[in-house]
Amino acid sequence: MKARPARMMETPKKTDAETSGLKPRRWPRRLAIGAGLMVLAYLGYRIVFPFALDQWADSRLPADAPNIAFSPNDTWLRELGINEAYKISITRAGGRLVAFHPEQTGADPARIEAWLEKNKIGGVILGGGGDVDPRLYGGNPAEGAQVNRRRDEFEIALIQAAVKRRLPILGICRGCQILNVARGGTLRNLDDNKTLADLHFNSDGHPVTLAEGSRLAEISETQRLANVGSYHRQAVLKLGRNLRITATGPGGVVEAVEGNAPGDPWLVAVQWHPELAVGNEQQQKLLRAFVREAKR
C-alpha cells in the first residue's frame, strides 16, 4: 500500500500588529501614555517653570532693583515662553519685571497713573504681539492680524502716562509700532513686498545701521549691528510727532525710533528682539542702559 505524502502545515499569516512588532491593541495605550506625558510636561512648564523663574529672579536681584512695568505678548507666542524671555533678560540687566495687563486698569489715564505710583514703577517696556489696529492710523482693517484694540488703547494711554511721569520707555517690535501710532504716525504692511517681508520676518536676522549721534549708537558703541533678530510684518511709514528715526534695515525699513522732544524722558523703540539675544553682549547693552535709566 502506497504511503500518503505528509501534509504540509500552513503557517498562519501574521497580523499587521505582529508584523510591526506591536501586540494587538497595545498601540492605542502607548499613544495615550505619550499624550499624557506631553500634557504633564506642558503643565510642568506652565506651572513649575514660572515659579522657579520667580525664585531665580528674586535671588539674583539687589534690593534696589527698579520695578519695570511690562505690557506682555498676548498672542499664541506667549505659550512658547516669549514673555519669560523678557523676564530673564531684564533680570540679568538688573531690573524687576512687573506684568501690567489692560484688564487691570483699562485705558483710563488716572487709573494707569495710580497703578504706576502704587507699584513704584521706574520704567516701562512695550513688548511684542499682534498687529496694531490699522483703523487707529487710517489703514486698511483687513491687513491687521491678531489685532487687540483693547491692548492698543491701553498702551497708548500707558505711553502718555509714562511720559507725563518722565519714566523711561523701551519699545520692542510691536512696541515700536504702537509708540509711533500713539504720536500720530502711520504704519506700512511689509506683506505688500515679498522680498521685504522675507527679510524682516525670519530666523536668520539682518543688519541694521544706527544713526550717528543717536542714543542707540552711543549705547551700542557702533553705527552698525551685524545681525538682529527680526520678526515683524508692520513697520513705521509716516513718522510720529517728536520722534526721530535712529536705525534702518534692508530696503530702508525703519528699525528704531527715539523721542526728541525737549520734555521727553529716555525713549527708545526698536523693531528687533534684544531680549532673545541673551548671548549677544552688544545687544544686551540696550537692556542694561534702559534699566540704569529706570533706576534713577
C-alpha atoms as a PDB file:
ATOM      1  CA  MET A   1       0.000   0.000   0.000  1.00  0.00           C
ATOM      2  CA  LYS A   2       1.366   3.333  -1.081  1.00  0.00           C
ATOM      3  CA  ALA A   3       2.010   5.769   1.795  1.00  0.00           C
ATOM      4  CA  ARG A   4       0.353   9.146   1.635  1.00  0.00           C
ATOM      5  CA  PRO A   5       2.713  12.116   1.450  1.00  0.00           C
ATOM      6  CA  ALA A   6       2.925  14.082   4.654  1.00  0.00           C
ATOM      7  CA  ARG A   7       0.641  17.111   4.560  1.00  0.00           C
ATOM      8  CA  MET A   8       2.492  20.374   4.975  1.00  0.00           C
ATOM      9  CA  MET A   9       1.075  22.530   7.743  1.00  0.00           C
ATOM     10  CA  GLU A  10       0.273  26.053   6.618  1.00  0.00           C
ATOM     11  CA  THR A  11       1.993  28.813   8.538  1.00  0.00           C
ATOM     12  CA  PRO A  12      -0.614  31.243   9.816  1.00  0.00           C
ATOM     13  CA  LYS A  13      -0.247  34.762   8.463  1.00  0.00           C
ATOM     14  CA  LYS A  14       0.913  37.408  10.900  1.00  0.00           C
ATOM     15  CA  THR A  15      -1.360  40.272  11.677  1.00  0.00           C
ATOM     16  CA  ASP A  16      -0.351  43.845  10.913  1.00  0.00           C
ATOM     17  CA  ALA A  17       0.173  44.464  14.614  1.00  0.00           C
ATOM     18  CA  GLU A  18       2.527  41.478  14.932  1.00  0.00           C
ATOM     19  CA  THR A  19       4.404  42.465  11.772  1.00  0.00           C
ATOM     20  CA  SER A  20       5.016  45.931  13.184  1.00  0.00           C
ATOM     21  CA  GLY A  21       6.361  44.467  16.410  1.00  0.00           C
ATOM     22  CA  LEU A  22       3.384  45.599  18.477  1.00  0.00           C
ATOM     23  CA  LYS A  23       0.991  43.278  20.171  1.00  0.00           C
ATOM     24  CA  PRO A  24      -2.656  43.663  19.207  1.00  0.00           C
ATOM     25  CA  ARG A  25      -4.453  46.628  20.844  1.00  0.00           C
ATOM     26  CA  ARG A  26      -1.309  47.909  22.551  1.00  0.00           C
ATOM     27  CA  TRP A  27      -0.625  50.913  20.317  1.00  0.00           C
ATOM     28  CA  PRO A  28      -3.673  52.949  21.450  1.00  0.00           C
ATOM     29  CA  ARG A  29      -2.460  52.590  25.026  1.00  0.00           C
ATOM     30  CA  ARG A  30       1.019  53.730  24.098  1.00  0.00           C
ATOM     31  CA  LEU A  31      -0.350  56.721  22.244  1.00  0.00           C
ATOM     32  CA  ALA A  32      -2.445  57.634  25.271  1.00  0.00           C
ATOM     33  CA  ILE A  33       0.597  57.361  27.550  1.00  0.00           C
ATOM     34  CA  GLY A  34       2.653  59.523  25.182  1.00  0.00           C
ATOM     35  CA  ALA A  35      -0.075  62.149  25.008  1.00  0.00           C
ATOM     36  CA  GLY A  36      -0.397  62.096  28.786  1.00  0.00           C
ATOM     37  CA  LEU A  37       3.337  62.652  29.229  1.00  0.00           C
ATOM     38  CA  MET A  38       3.231  65.597  26.820  1.00  0.00           C
ATOM     39  CA  VAL A  39       0.349  67.152  28.763  1.00  0.00           C
ATOM     40  CA  LEU A  40       2.213  66.673  32.052  1.00  0.00           C
ATOM     41  CA  ALA A  41       5.369  68.211  30.564  1.00  0.00           C
ATOM     42  CA  TYR A  42       3.387  71.212  29.318  1.00  0.00           C
ATOM     43  CA  LEU A  43       1.662  71.679  32.678  1.00  0.00           C
ATOM     44  CA  GLY A  44       5.026  71.428  34.398  1.00  0.00           C
ATOM     45  CA  TYR A  45       6.398  74.091  32.087  1.00  0.00           C
ATOM     46  CA  ARG A  46       3.446  76.433  32.631  1.00  0.00           C
ATOM     47  CA  ILE A  47       3.194  75.885  36.415  1.00  0.00           C
ATOM     48  CA  VAL A  48       6.605  74.893  37.752  1.00  0.00           C
ATOM     49  CA  PHE A  49       8.829  76.953  35.428  1.00  0.00           C
ATOM     50  CA  PRO A  50       7.248  80.355  36.215  1.00  0.00           C
ATOM     51  CA  PHE A  51       7.582  79.629  39.944  1.00  0.00           C
ATOM     52  CA  ALA A  52      11.216  78.577  39.537  1.00  0.00           C
ATOM     53  CA  LEU A  53      11.862  81.645  37.374  1.00  0.00           C
ATOM     54  CA  ASP A  54      10.414  83.911  40.072  1.00  0.00           C
ATOM     55  CA  GLN A  55      12.653  82.275  42.672  1.00  0.00           C
ATOM     56  CA  TRP A  56      15.693  82.704  40.431  1.00  0.00           C
ATOM     57  CA  ALA A  57      14.873  86.351  39.726  1.00  0.00           C
ATOM     58  CA  ASP A  58      14.281  87.178  43.396  1.00  0.00           C
ATOM     59  CA  SER A  59      17.551  85.574  44.443  1.00  0.00           C
ATOM     60  CA  ARG A  60      19.518  87.380  41.752  1.00  0.00           C
ATOM     61  CA  LEU A  61      18.208  90.930  42.104  1.00  0.00           C
ATOM     62  CA  PRO A  62      19.503  93.516  44.586  1.00  0.00           C
ATOM     63  CA  ALA A  63      17.079  95.201  46.955  1.00  0.00           C
ATOM     64  CA  ASP A  64      17.185  98.446  44.966  1.00  0.00           C
ATOM     65  CA  ALA A  65      16.368  96.835  41.598  1.00  0.00           C
ATOM     66  CA  PRO A  66      13.905  99.115  39.746  1.00  0.00           C
ATOM     67  CA  ASN A  67      10.405  97.844  39.022  1.00  0.00           C
ATOM     68  CA  ILE A  68       9.746  97.685  35.274  1.00  0.00           C
ATOM     69  CA  ALA A  69       6.140  97.704  34.047  1.00  0.00           C
ATOM     70  CA  PHE A  70       5.783  95.253  31.168  1.00  0.00           C
ATOM     71  CA  SER A  71       2.917  95.018  28.707  1.00  0.00           C
ATOM     72  CA  PRO A  72       3.328  91.366  27.631  1.00  0.00           C
ATOM     73  CA  ASN A  73       2.699  89.496  24.403  1.00  0.00           C
ATOM     74  CA  ASP A  74      -0.934  88.343  24.367  1.00  0.00           C
ATOM     75  CA  THR A  75      -0.805  86.131  21.247  1.00  0.00           C
ATOM     76  CA  TRP A  76      -0.194  82.366  20.984  1.00  0.00           C
ATOM     77  CA  LEU A  77       3.549  83.093  21.248  1.00  0.00           C
ATOM     78  CA  ARG A  78       3.133  83.540  24.995  1.00  0.00           C
ATOM     79  CA  GLU A  79       2.677  79.766  25.178  1.00  0.00           C
ATOM     80  CA  LEU A  80       6.214  79.353  23.801  1.00  0.00           C
ATOM     81  CA  GLY A  81       7.764  81.304  26.664  1.00  0.00           C
ATOM     82  CA  ILE A  82       8.297  84.604  24.847  1.00  0.00           C
ATOM     83  CA  ASN A  83       7.257  86.619  27.910  1.00  0.00           C
ATOM     84  CA  GLU A  84       9.596  84.609  30.140  1.00  0.00           C
ATOM     85  CA  ALA A  85      12.451  85.640  27.828  1.00  0.00           C
ATOM     86  CA  TYR A  86      11.787  89.275  28.760  1.00  0.00           C
ATOM     87  CA  LYS A  87      11.915  88.424  32.447  1.00  0.00           C
ATOM     88  CA  ILE A  88      15.207  86.553  32.129  1.00  0.00           C
ATOM     89  CA  SER A  89      16.861  89.325  30.110  1.00  0.00           C
ATOM     90  CA  ILE A  90      15.630  92.200  32.286  1.00  0.00           C
ATOM     91  CA  THR A  91      16.582  90.313  35.453  1.00  0.00           C
ATOM     92  CA  ARG A  92      20.078  89.797  34.061  1.00  0.00           C
ATOM     93  CA  ALA A  93      20.189  93.537  33.336  1.00  0.00           C
ATOM     94  CA  GLY A  94      19.259  94.301  36.958  1.00  0.00           C
ATOM     95  CA  GLY A  95      15.528  95.103  36.732  1.00  0.00           C
ATOM     96  CA  ARG A  96      12.414  93.521  38.246  1.00  0.00           C
ATOM     97  CA  LEU A  97       9.696  92.900  35.650  1.00  0.00           C
ATOM     98  CA  VAL A  98       6.090  93.581  36.728  1.00  0.00           C
ATOM     99  CA  ALA A  99       3.402  92.457  34.267  1.00  0.00           C
ATOM    100  CA  PHE A 100       0.786  95.119  33.539  1.00  0.00           C
ATOM    101  CA  HIS A 101      -2.327  93.970  31.644  1.00  0.00           C
ATOM    102  CA  PRO A 102      -5.154  96.033  30.090  1.00  0.00           C
ATOM    103  CA  GLU A 103      -7.643  94.237  32.356  1.00  0.00           C
ATOM    104  CA  GLN A 104      -6.078  95.865  35.421  1.00  0.00           C
ATOM    105  CA  THR A 105      -6.872  99.489  34.584  1.00  0.00           C
ATOM    106  CA  GLY A 106      -8.294  99.682  31.082  1.00  0.00           C
ATOM    107  CA  ALA A 107      -7.224 102.761  29.116  1.00  0.00           C
ATOM    108  CA  ASP A 108      -8.110 105.147  31.952  1.00  0.00           C
ATOM    109  CA  PRO A 109      -5.112 107.516  32.372  1.00  0.00           C
ATOM    110  CA  ALA A 110      -5.891 108.218  36.038  1.00  0.00           C
ATOM    111  CA  ARG A 111      -6.059 104.514  36.924  1.00  0.00           C
ATOM    112  CA  ILE A 112      -2.861 103.812  34.970  1.00  0.00           C
ATOM    113  CA  GLU A 113      -1.005 106.592  36.784  1.00  0.00           C
ATOM    114  CA  ALA A 114      -2.286 105.302  40.123  1.00  0.00           C
ATOM    115  CA  TRP A 115      -1.048 101.796  39.267  1.00  0.00           C
ATOM    116  CA  LEU A 116       2.385 103.117  38.275  1.00  0.00           C
ATOM    117  CA  GLU A 117       2.585 105.043  41.554  1.00  0.00           C
ATOM    118  CA  LYS A 118       1.368 102.154  43.710  1.00  0.00           C
ATOM    119  CA  ASN A 119       3.859  99.706  42.186  1.00  0.00           C
ATOM    120  CA  LYS A 120       6.754 102.193  42.319  1.00  0.00           C
ATOM    121  CA  ILE A 121       7.446 101.747  38.612  1.00  0.00           C
ATOM    122  CA  GLY A 122      10.746 103.114  37.340  1.00  0.00           C
ATOM    123  CA  GLY A 123      10.386 102.282  33.637  1.00  0.00           C
ATOM    124  CA  VAL A 124       8.043 100.811  31.011  1.00  0.00           C
ATOM    125  CA  ILE A 125       8.582  98.104  28.391  1.00  0.00           C
ATOM    126  CA  LEU A 126       6.142  97.768  25.492  1.00  0.00           C
ATOM    127  CA  GLY A 127       6.553  94.190  24.279  1.00  0.00           C
ATOM    128  CA  GLY A 128       5.756  92.336  21.083  1.00  0.00           C
ATOM    129  CA  GLY A 129       2.444  90.874  19.958  1.00  0.00           C
ATOM    130  CA  GLY A 130      -0.151  91.110  17.220  1.00  0.00           C
ATOM    131  CA  ASP A 131      -0.589  93.955  14.738  1.00  0.00           C
ATOM    132  CA  VAL A 132      -1.643  97.420  15.830  1.00  0.00           C
ATOM    133  CA  ASP A 133      -5.217  98.016  14.657  1.00  0.00           C
ATOM    134  CA  PRO A 134      -4.901  99.728  11.230  1.00  0.00           C
ATOM    135  CA  ARG A 135      -8.036 101.768  11.984  1.00  0.00           C
ATOM    136  CA  LEU A 136      -6.023 103.747  14.544  1.00  0.00           C
ATOM    137  CA  TYR A 137      -3.986 105.347  11.757  1.00  0.00           C
ATOM    138  CA  GLY A 138      -6.398 105.271   8.820  1.00  0.00           C
ATOM    139  CA  GLY A 139      -5.135 101.960   7.411  1.00  0.00           C
ATOM    140  CA  ASN A 140      -6.969  99.023   5.881  1.00  0.00           C
ATOM    141  CA  PRO A 141      -8.595  96.925   8.666  1.00  0.00           C
ATOM    142  CA  ALA A 142      -8.284  93.789   6.514  1.00  0.00           C
ATOM    143  CA  GLU A 143      -4.482  93.983   6.749  1.00  0.00           C
ATOM    144  CA  GLY A 144      -4.377  93.539  10.537  1.00  0.00           C
ATOM    145  CA  ALA A 145      -3.517  90.147  12.058  1.00  0.00           C
ATOM    146  CA  GLN A 146      -4.144  89.153  15.687  1.00  0.00           C
ATOM    147  CA  VAL A 147      -5.381  92.660  16.423  1.00  0.00           C
ATOM    148  CA  ASN A 148      -6.271  93.535  20.032  1.00  0.00           C
ATOM    149  CA  ARG A 149      -7.845  97.001  20.086  1.00  0.00           C
ATOM    150  CA  ARG A 150      -8.156  96.932  23.870  1.00  0.00           C
ATOM    151  CA  ARG A 151      -4.414  96.452  24.228  1.00  0.00           C
ATOM    152  CA  ASP A 152      -3.730  99.177  21.644  1.00  0.00           C
ATOM    153  CA  GLU A 153      -5.764 101.754  23.554  1.00  0.00           C
ATOM    154  CA  PHE A 154      -4.284 100.651  26.884  1.00  0.00           C
ATOM    155  CA  GLU A 155      -0.710 101.019  25.638  1.00  0.00           C
ATOM    156  CA  ILE A 156      -1.352 104.422  24.078  1.00  0.00           C
ATOM    157  CA  ALA A 157      -2.660 105.623  27.449  1.00  0.00           C
ATOM    158  CA  LEU A 158       0.301 103.932  29.187  1.00  0.00           C
ATOM    159  CA  ILE A 159       2.760 105.778  26.932  1.00  0.00           C
ATOM    160  CA  GLN A 160       1.100 109.097  27.742  1.00  0.00           C
ATOM    161  CA  ALA A 161       1.169 108.361  31.480  1.00  0.00           C
ATOM    162  CA  ALA A 162       4.812 107.260  31.391  1.00  0.00           C
ATOM    163  CA  VAL A 163       5.870 110.400  29.508  1.00  0.00           C
ATOM    164  CA  LYS A 164       3.931 112.556  31.968  1.00  0.00           C
ATOM    165  CA  ARG A 165       5.775 110.883  34.861  1.00  0.00           C
ATOM    166  CA  ARG A 166       9.057 111.046  32.913  1.00  0.00           C
ATOM    167  CA  LEU A 167       9.578 107.297  33.069  1.00  0.00           C
ATOM    168  CA  PRO A 168      11.985 105.756  30.546  1.00  0.00           C
ATOM    169  CA  ILE A 169      10.245 103.729  27.830  1.00  0.00           C
ATOM    170  CA  LEU A 170      11.658 100.837  25.826  1.00  0.00           C
ATOM    171  CA  GLY A 171       9.588  99.595  22.886  1.00  0.00           C
ATOM    172  CA  ILE A 172      10.332  96.218  21.320  1.00  0.00           C
ATOM    173  CA  CYS A 173       8.881  95.087  17.959  1.00  0.00           C
ATOM    174  CA  ARG A 174       5.167  95.927  18.249  1.00  0.00           C
ATOM    175  CA  GLY A 175       6.222  98.387  20.970  1.00  0.00           C
ATOM    176  CA  CYS A 176       7.993 100.450  18.312  1.00  0.00           C
ATOM    177  CA  GLN A 177       4.860 100.471  16.177  1.00  0.00           C
ATOM    178  CA  ILE A 178       2.385 101.422  18.913  1.00  0.00           C
ATOM    179  CA  LEU A 179       4.699 104.227  20.054  1.00  0.00           C
ATOM    180  CA  ASN A 180       4.708 105.678  16.541  1.00  0.00           C
ATOM    181  CA  VAL A 181       0.914 105.405  16.272  1.00  0.00           C
ATOM    182  CA  ALA A 182       0.484 106.955  19.741  1.00  0.00           C
ATOM    183  CA  ARG A 183       2.239 110.048  18.393  1.00  0.00           C
ATOM    184  CA  GLY A 184       0.155 110.333  15.257  1.00  0.00           C
ATOM    185  CA  GLY A 185       2.314 108.239  12.931  1.00  0.00           C
ATOM    186  CA  THR A 186       1.245 105.532  10.497  1.00  0.00           C
ATOM    187  CA  LEU A 187       2.430 102.020   9.667  1.00  0.00           C
ATOM    188  CA  ARG A 188       3.102 100.076   6.488  1.00  0.00           C
ATOM    189  CA  ASN A 189       2.388  96.407   5.850  1.00  0.00           C
ATOM    190  CA  LEU A 190       5.544  94.613   4.702  1.00  0.00           C
ATOM    191  CA  ASP A 191       3.487  91.764   3.258  1.00  0.00           C
ATOM    192  CA  ASP A 192       2.903  94.026   0.252  1.00  0.00           C
ATOM    193  CA  ASN A 193       6.541  93.399  -0.723  1.00  0.00           C
ATOM    194  CA  LYS A 194       7.569  89.732  -0.534  1.00  0.00           C
ATOM    195  CA  THR A 195      11.294  90.497  -0.557  1.00  0.00           C
ATOM    196  CA  LEU A 196      10.986  92.854   2.403  1.00  0.00           C
ATOM    197  CA  ALA A 197       8.566  90.542   4.184  1.00  0.00           C
ATOM    198  CA  ASP A 198      11.021  87.642   3.932  1.00  0.00           C
ATOM    199  CA  LEU A 199      13.944  89.774   5.125  1.00  0.00           C
ATOM    200  CA  HIS A 200      12.140  91.180   8.141  1.00  0.00           C
ATOM    201  CA  PHE A 201      10.376  88.055   9.346  1.00  0.00           C
ATOM    202  CA  ASN A 202      12.929  85.259   9.518  1.00  0.00           C
ATOM    203  CA  SER A 203      15.159  83.455  11.997  1.00  0.00           C
ATOM    204  CA  ASP A 204      18.386  84.439  10.199  1.00  0.00           C
ATOM    205  CA  GLY A 205      18.094  88.119  11.138  1.00  0.00           C
ATOM    206  CA  HIS A 206      19.624  91.043   9.242  1.00  0.00           C
ATOM    207  CA  PRO A 207      21.995  94.003   9.799  1.00  0.00           C
ATOM    208  CA  VAL A 208      20.864  97.471  10.900  1.00  0.00           C
ATOM    209  CA  THR A 209      22.518 100.862  10.531  1.00  0.00           C
ATOM    210  CA  LEU A 210      22.351 103.194  13.548  1.00  0.00           C
ATOM    211  CA  ALA A 211      22.115 106.967  13.145  1.00  0.00           C
ATOM    212  CA  GLU A 212      25.154 108.944  14.194  1.00  0.00           C
ATOM    213  CA  GLY A 213      24.591 110.789  17.461  1.00  0.00           C
ATOM    214  CA  SER A 214      21.600 108.644  18.432  1.00  0.00           C
ATOM    215  CA  ARG A 215      21.141 107.055  21.850  1.00  0.00           C
ATOM    216  CA  LEU A 216      21.303 103.654  20.174  1.00  0.00           C
ATOM    217  CA  ALA A 217      24.657 104.368  18.557  1.00  0.00           C
ATOM    218  CA  GLU A 218      26.007 105.747  21.824  1.00  0.00           C
ATOM    219  CA  ILE A 219      24.777 102.740  23.820  1.00  0.00           C
ATOM    220  CA  SER A 220      25.942 100.187  21.246  1.00  0.00           C
ATOM    221  CA  GLU A 221      29.255 101.998  20.656  1.00  0.00           C
ATOM    222  CA  THR A 222      28.880 101.382  16.952  1.00  0.00           C
ATOM    223  CA  GLN A 223      26.834 102.549  13.976  1.00  0.00           C
ATOM    224  CA  ARG A 224      26.166  99.056  12.690  1.00  0.00           C
ATOM    225  CA  LEU A 225      24.750  95.920  14.264  1.00  0.00           C
ATOM    226  CA  ALA A 226      25.718  92.970  12.085  1.00  0.00           C
ATOM    227  CA  ASN A 227      22.695  90.821  12.860  1.00  0.00           C
ATOM    228  CA  VAL A 228      19.483  91.402  14.803  1.00  0.00           C
ATOM    229  CA  GLY A 229      16.539  89.042  15.320  1.00  0.00           C
ATOM    230  CA  SER A 230      13.655  90.440  13.312  1.00  0.00           C
ATOM    231  CA  TYR A 231      10.064  89.149  13.258  1.00  0.00           C
ATOM    232  CA  HIS A 232       7.667  91.884  12.158  1.00  0.00           C
ATOM    233  CA  ARG A 233       5.162  92.425   9.364  1.00  0.00           C
ATOM    234  CA  GLN A 234       4.355  96.057  10.195  1.00  0.00           C
ATOM    235  CA  ALA A 235       6.811  98.965  10.196  1.00  0.00           C
ATOM    236  CA  VAL A 236       6.864 102.750  10.543  1.00  0.00           C
ATOM    237  CA  LEU A 237       5.632 104.622   7.455  1.00  0.00           C
ATOM    238  CA  LYS A 238       4.844 108.218   8.444  1.00  0.00           C
ATOM    239  CA  LEU A 239       6.911 109.202  11.476  1.00  0.00           C
ATOM    240  CA  GLY A 240       5.005 110.318  14.572  1.00  0.00           C
ATOM    241  CA  ARG A 241       5.378 113.660  16.347  1.00  0.00           C
ATOM    242  CA  ASN A 242       8.554 114.314  18.331  1.00  0.00           C
ATOM    243  CA  LEU A 243      10.242 111.139  17.117  1.00  0.00           C
ATOM    244  CA  ARG A 244      13.369 110.627  15.036  1.00  0.00           C
ATOM    245  CA  ILE A 245      14.449 107.594  13.021  1.00  0.00           C
ATOM    246  CA  THR A 246      17.619 106.158  14.541  1.00  0.00           C
ATOM    247  CA  ALA A 247      18.048 102.825  12.754  1.00  0.00           C
ATOM    248  CA  THR A 248      17.228 101.375   9.348  1.00  0.00           C
ATOM    249  CA  GLY A 249      17.442  97.882   7.907  1.00  0.00           C
ATOM    250  CA  PRO A 250      17.357  96.242   4.476  1.00  0.00           C
ATOM    251  CA  GLY A 251      15.200  98.112   1.980  1.00  0.00           C
ATOM    252  CA  GLY A 252      15.290 101.264   4.094  1.00  0.00           C
ATOM    253  CA  VAL A 253      12.756  99.845   6.567  1.00  0.00           C
ATOM    254  CA  VAL A 254      12.661 101.822   9.832  1.00  0.00           C
ATOM    255  CA  GLU A 255      14.147  99.671  12.603  1.00  0.00           C
ATOM    256  CA  ALA A 256      14.245 102.116  15.527  1.00  0.00           C
ATOM    257  CA  VAL A 257      12.905 105.466  16.682  1.00  0.00           C
ATOM    258  CA  GLU A 258      13.713 107.730  19.623  1.00  0.00           C
ATOM    259  CA  GLY A 259      11.937 110.600  21.318  1.00  0.00           C
ATOM    260  CA  ASN A 260      13.389 114.027  20.573  1.00  0.00           C
ATOM    261  CA  ALA A 261      11.004 116.475  22.265  1.00  0.00           C
ATOM    262  CA  PRO A 262      12.546 118.676  24.989  1.00  0.00           C
ATOM    263  CA  GLY A 263      10.205 117.216  27.621  1.00  0.00           C
ATOM    264  CA  ASP A 264      10.614 113.577  26.629  1.00  0.00           C
ATOM    265  CA  PRO A 265      12.087 111.044  29.020  1.00  0.00           C
ATOM    266  CA  TRP A 266      14.568 108.387  27.809  1.00  0.00           C
ATOM    267  CA  LEU A 267      12.562 106.884  24.944  1.00  0.00           C
ATOM    268  CA  VAL A 268      13.923 104.221  22.585  1.00  0.00           C
ATOM    269  CA  ALA A 269      11.972 101.716  20.480  1.00  0.00           C
ATOM    270  CA  VAL A 270      13.426  99.006  18.239  1.00  0.00           C
ATOM    271  CA  GLN A 271      11.887  96.526  15.806  1.00  0.00           C
ATOM    272  CA  TRP A 272      14.273  93.720  16.728  1.00  0.00           C
ATOM    273  CA  HIS A 273      14.359  91.490  19.828  1.00  0.00           C
ATOM    274  CA  PRO A 274      17.310  92.105  22.178  1.00  0.00           C
ATOM    275  CA  GLU A 275      15.567  90.036  24.873  1.00  0.00           C
ATOM    276  CA  LEU A 276      16.083  86.932  22.717  1.00  0.00           C
ATOM    277  CA  ALA A 277      19.773  87.669  22.096  1.00  0.00           C
ATOM    278  CA  VAL A 278      20.915  86.711  25.591  1.00  0.00           C
ATOM    279  CA  GLY A 279      24.373  85.694  24.379  1.00  0.00           C
ATOM    280  CA  ASN A 280      24.923  88.858  22.324  1.00  0.00           C
ATOM    281  CA  GLU A 281      26.791  91.312  24.545  1.00  0.00           C
ATOM    282  CA  GLN A 282      26.315  94.218  22.163  1.00  0.00           C
ATOM    283  CA  GLN A 283      22.525  93.871  22.141  1.00  0.00           C
ATOM    284  CA  GLN A 284      22.358  93.405  25.913  1.00  0.00           C
ATOM    285  CA  LYS A 285      23.840  96.893  26.304  1.00  0.00           C
ATOM    286  CA  LEU A 286      20.463  98.353  25.319  1.00  0.00           C
ATOM    287  CA  LEU A 287      18.635  96.492  28.094  1.00  0.00           C
ATOM    288  CA  ARG A 288      21.240  97.472  30.683  1.00  0.00           C
ATOM    289  CA  ALA A 289      21.083 101.133  29.604  1.00  0.00           C
ATOM    290  CA  PHE A 290      17.297 101.087  29.961  1.00  0.00           C
ATOM    291  CA  VAL A 291      17.461  99.551  33.451  1.00  0.00           C
ATOM    292  CA  ARG A 292      20.043 102.148  34.520  1.00  0.00           C
ATOM    293  CA  GLU A 293      17.642 104.898  33.460  1.00  0.00           C
ATOM    294  CA  ALA A 294      14.786 103.215  35.336  1.00  0.00           C
ATOM    295  CA  LYS A 295      16.914 103.144  38.472  1.00  0.00           C
ATOM    296  CA  ARG A 296      17.475 106.907  38.570  1.00  0.00           C
END
